[in-house]
Amino acid sequence: MSPLMMSKIAYLAAVGSLTALIGLCVAWELWLAPLRPGGSWMVLKVLPLLAPLFGVLHQRIYTYRWSSMLMVAYFIEGCVRAYADTGMSAALAFLELFLALAFIVAAAVFIRSATAKRAET
């Protein structure tokens, strides 16, 4: 597969997983399984996810690099809450874990293919 095609697929996967993770975190902490009835301040955990959104949408390689390291925190939170929580919260934690891992992999593929694309030209 050409680096251009890999780059497009990785871009779509990264944007999809990032936006899905933002939506999941908001829905989780406000409606689906909040820590306190009626929502919780934990919804603020979505704010760091908004920081890389512009750069990811505009395919900035540097943003992909640092945001993949940011996703490690969400991956770890997913692991901890999947182990410690029960019911709906544990299921949402597994989804958070999956989306964070999907972004990390998509970012790595995007960086590699974009770098290879630059080397060809």
C-alpha atoms as a PDB file:
ATOM      1  CA  MET A   1       0.000   0.000   0.000  1.00  0.00           C
ATOM      2  CA  SER A   2       1.298   3.436  -0.881  1.00  0.00           C
ATOM      3  CA  PRO A   3       2.294   5.887   1.840  1.00  0.00           C
ATOM      4  CA  LEU A   4      -0.399   8.287   0.610  1.00  0.00           C
ATOM      5  CA  MET A   5      -3.155   5.698   1.073  1.00  0.00           C
ATOM      6  CA  MET A   6      -1.786   4.638   4.467  1.00  0.00           C
ATOM      7  CA  SER A   7      -1.636   8.270   5.501  1.00  0.00           C
ATOM      8  CA  LYS A   8      -5.296   8.846   4.560  1.00  0.00           C
ATOM      9  CA  ILE A   9      -6.487   5.720   6.384  1.00  0.00           C
ATOM     10  CA  ALA A  10      -4.441   6.591   9.481  1.00  0.00           C
ATOM     11  CA  TYR A  11      -5.747  10.174   9.361  1.00  0.00           C
ATOM     12  CA  LEU A  12      -9.363   9.011   9.277  1.00  0.00           C
ATOM     13  CA  ALA A  13      -8.736   6.504  12.070  1.00  0.00           C
ATOM     14  CA  ALA A  14      -7.026   9.121  14.243  1.00  0.00           C
ATOM     15  CA  VAL A  15      -9.754  11.729  13.720  1.00  0.00           C
ATOM     16  CA  GLY A  16     -12.473   9.142  14.295  1.00  0.00           C
ATOM     17  CA  SER A  17     -10.959   7.727  17.465  1.00  0.00           C
ATOM     18  CA  LEU A  18     -10.173  11.180  18.899  1.00  0.00           C
ATOM     19  CA  THR A  19     -13.663  12.567  18.293  1.00  0.00           C
ATOM     20  CA  ALA A  20     -15.253   9.348  19.545  1.00  0.00           C
ATOM     21  CA  LEU A  21     -13.149   9.535  22.711  1.00  0.00           C
ATOM     22  CA  ILE A  22     -14.206  13.148  23.272  1.00  0.00           C
ATOM     23  CA  GLY A  23     -17.858  12.186  22.862  1.00  0.00           C
ATOM     24  CA  LEU A  24     -17.470   9.132  25.071  1.00  0.00           C
ATOM     25  CA  CYS A  25     -15.861  11.089  27.914  1.00  0.00           C
ATOM     26  CA  VAL A  26     -18.579  13.754  27.847  1.00  0.00           C
ATOM     27  CA  ALA A  27     -21.431  11.247  27.692  1.00  0.00           C
ATOM     28  CA  TRP A  28     -19.841   8.988  30.305  1.00  0.00           C
ATOM     29  CA  GLU A  29     -19.339  11.653  32.942  1.00  0.00           C
ATOM     30  CA  LEU A  30     -22.591  13.538  32.354  1.00  0.00           C
ATOM     31  CA  TRP A  31     -25.233  10.923  31.508  1.00  0.00           C
ATOM     32  CA  LEU A  32     -24.172   7.294  31.100  1.00  0.00           C
ATOM     33  CA  ALA A  33     -22.331   6.472  34.327  1.00  0.00           C
ATOM     34  CA  PRO A  34     -21.254   9.628  36.210  1.00  0.00           C
ATOM     35  CA  LEU A  35     -19.471   9.395  39.534  1.00  0.00           C
ATOM     36  CA  ARG A  36     -22.225  11.502  41.130  1.00  0.00           C
ATOM     37  CA  PRO A  37     -25.906  11.481  40.142  1.00  0.00           C
ATOM     38  CA  GLY A  38     -26.677  14.276  37.711  1.00  0.00           C
ATOM     39  CA  GLY A  39     -23.147  14.462  36.309  1.00  0.00           C
ATOM     40  CA  SER A  40     -19.725  15.077  37.709  1.00  0.00           C
ATOM     41  CA  TRP A  41     -16.819  17.462  37.341  1.00  0.00           C
ATOM     42  CA  MET A  42     -14.857  14.542  35.873  1.00  0.00           C
ATOM     43  CA  VAL A  43     -16.232  15.708  32.537  1.00  0.00           C
ATOM     44  CA  LEU A  44     -13.349  18.199  32.580  1.00  0.00           C
ATOM     45  CA  LYS A  45     -11.052  15.327  31.639  1.00  0.00           C
ATOM     46  CA  VAL A  46     -12.157  16.003  28.068  1.00  0.00           C
ATOM     47  CA  LEU A  47     -10.399  19.391  27.964  1.00  0.00           C
ATOM     48  CA  PRO A  48      -6.898  17.995  27.250  1.00  0.00           C
ATOM     49  CA  LEU A  49      -8.406  16.052  24.335  1.00  0.00           C
ATOM     50  CA  LEU A  50      -9.562  19.290  22.724  1.00  0.00           C
ATOM     51  CA  ALA A  51      -6.007  20.660  22.580  1.00  0.00           C
ATOM     52  CA  PRO A  52      -4.742  18.371  19.779  1.00  0.00           C
ATOM     53  CA  LEU A  53      -7.997  18.381  17.779  1.00  0.00           C
ATOM     54  CA  PHE A  54      -7.062  21.305  15.508  1.00  0.00           C
ATOM     55  CA  GLY A  55      -3.595  19.929  14.741  1.00  0.00           C
ATOM     56  CA  VAL A  56      -4.884  16.424  14.116  1.00  0.00           C
ATOM     57  CA  LEU A  57      -7.541  17.739  11.740  1.00  0.00           C
ATOM     58  CA  HIS A  58      -4.882  19.731   9.879  1.00  0.00           C
ATOM     59  CA  GLN A  59      -2.485  16.742   9.737  1.00  0.00           C
ATOM     60  CA  ARG A  60       0.362  18.310  11.674  1.00  0.00           C
ATOM     61  CA  ILE A  61       2.923  15.607  12.403  1.00  0.00           C
ATOM     62  CA  TYR A  62       4.178  17.278  15.575  1.00  0.00           C
ATOM     63  CA  THR A  63       0.646  17.257  17.000  1.00  0.00           C
ATOM     64  CA  TYR A  64       0.333  13.548  16.252  1.00  0.00           C
ATOM     65  CA  ARG A  65       3.574  12.940  18.120  1.00  0.00           C
ATOM     66  CA  TRP A  66       2.698  14.687  21.366  1.00  0.00           C
ATOM     67  CA  SER A  67      -0.980  13.762  21.342  1.00  0.00           C
ATOM     68  CA  SER A  68      -0.144  10.067  21.119  1.00  0.00           C
ATOM     69  CA  MET A  69       1.759  10.499  24.387  1.00  0.00           C
ATOM     70  CA  LEU A  70      -1.257  12.294  25.862  1.00  0.00           C
ATOM     71  CA  MET A  71      -3.416   9.293  24.949  1.00  0.00           C
ATOM     72  CA  VAL A  72      -1.342   7.084  27.221  1.00  0.00           C
ATOM     73  CA  ALA A  73      -3.031   8.795  30.195  1.00  0.00           C
ATOM     74  CA  TYR A  74      -6.481   7.901  28.823  1.00  0.00           C
ATOM     75  CA  PHE A  75      -5.313   4.363  28.106  1.00  0.00           C
ATOM     76  CA  ILE A  76      -4.143   4.024  31.713  1.00  0.00           C
ATOM     77  CA  GLU A  77      -7.388   5.486  33.049  1.00  0.00           C
ATOM     78  CA  GLY A  78      -9.295   2.975  30.939  1.00  0.00           C
ATOM     79  CA  CYS A  79      -7.220   0.122  32.337  1.00  0.00           C
ATOM     80  CA  VAL A  80      -7.681   1.234  35.936  1.00  0.00           C
ATOM     81  CA  ARG A  81     -11.410   1.899  35.665  1.00  0.00           C
ATOM     82  CA  ALA A  82     -12.043  -1.307  33.700  1.00  0.00           C
ATOM     83  CA  TYR A  83     -10.422  -3.214  36.548  1.00  0.00           C
ATOM     84  CA  ALA A  84     -11.880  -1.239  39.467  1.00  0.00           C
ATOM     85  CA  ASP A  85     -15.376  -0.278  38.270  1.00  0.00           C
ATOM     86  CA  THR A  86     -18.354  -2.500  37.623  1.00  0.00           C
ATOM     87  CA  GLY A  87     -21.341  -2.471  35.307  1.00  0.00           C
ATOM     88  CA  MET A  88     -21.751   0.275  32.741  1.00  0.00           C
ATOM     89  CA  SER A  89     -18.698   2.179  33.960  1.00  0.00           C
ATOM     90  CA  ALA A  90     -16.438  -0.831  33.359  1.00  0.00           C
ATOM     91  CA  ALA A  91     -17.830  -1.292  29.858  1.00  0.00           C
ATOM     92  CA  LEU A  92     -17.241   2.373  29.072  1.00  0.00           C
ATOM     93  CA  ALA A  93     -13.711   2.044  30.440  1.00  0.00           C
ATOM     94  CA  PHE A  94     -13.013  -0.791  28.000  1.00  0.00           C
ATOM     95  CA  LEU A  95     -14.302   1.422  25.190  1.00  0.00           C
ATOM     96  CA  GLU A  96     -12.053   4.270  26.361  1.00  0.00           C
ATOM     97  CA  LEU A  97      -9.117   1.872  26.449  1.00  0.00           C
ATOM     98  CA  PHE A  98      -9.866   0.721  22.892  1.00  0.00           C
ATOM     99  CA  LEU A  99     -10.279   4.255  21.504  1.00  0.00           C
ATOM    100  CA  ALA A 100      -7.069   5.498  23.128  1.00  0.00           C
ATOM    101  CA  LEU A 101      -5.141   2.523  21.762  1.00  0.00           C
ATOM    102  CA  ALA A 102      -6.698   3.023  18.325  1.00  0.00           C
ATOM    103  CA  PHE A 103      -5.538   6.643  18.311  1.00  0.00           C
ATOM    104  CA  ILE A 104      -2.007   5.705  19.376  1.00  0.00           C
ATOM    105  CA  VAL A 105      -1.716   3.127  16.590  1.00  0.00           C
ATOM    106  CA  ALA A 106      -3.285   5.450  13.996  1.00  0.00           C
ATOM    107  CA  ALA A 107      -0.949   8.272  15.013  1.00  0.00           C
ATOM    108  CA  ALA A 108       2.099   6.015  14.714  1.00  0.00           C
ATOM    109  CA  VAL A 109       1.022   4.832  11.260  1.00  0.00           C
ATOM    110  CA  PHE A 110       0.265   8.409  10.172  1.00  0.00           C
ATOM    111  CA  ILE A 111       3.658   9.671  11.338  1.00  0.00           C
ATOM    112  CA  ARG A 112       5.474   6.832   9.620  1.00  0.00           C
ATOM    113  CA  SER A 113       3.585   7.147   6.343  1.00  0.00           C
ATOM    114  CA  ALA A 114       3.767  10.941   6.276  1.00  0.00           C
ATOM    115  CA  THR A 115       7.510  10.754   6.899  1.00  0.00           C
ATOM    116  CA  ALA A 116       7.880   8.177   4.117  1.00  0.00           C
ATOM    117  CA  LYS A 117       5.774  10.349   1.815  1.00  0.00           C
ATOM    118  CA  ARG A 118       8.083  13.310   2.483  1.00  0.00           C
ATOM    119  CA  ALA A 119      11.150  11.165   1.821  1.00  0.00           C
ATOM    120  CA  GLU A 120       9.811  10.159  -1.605  1.00  0.00           C
ATOM    121  CA  THR A 121       9.453  13.762  -2.758  1.00  0.00           C
END
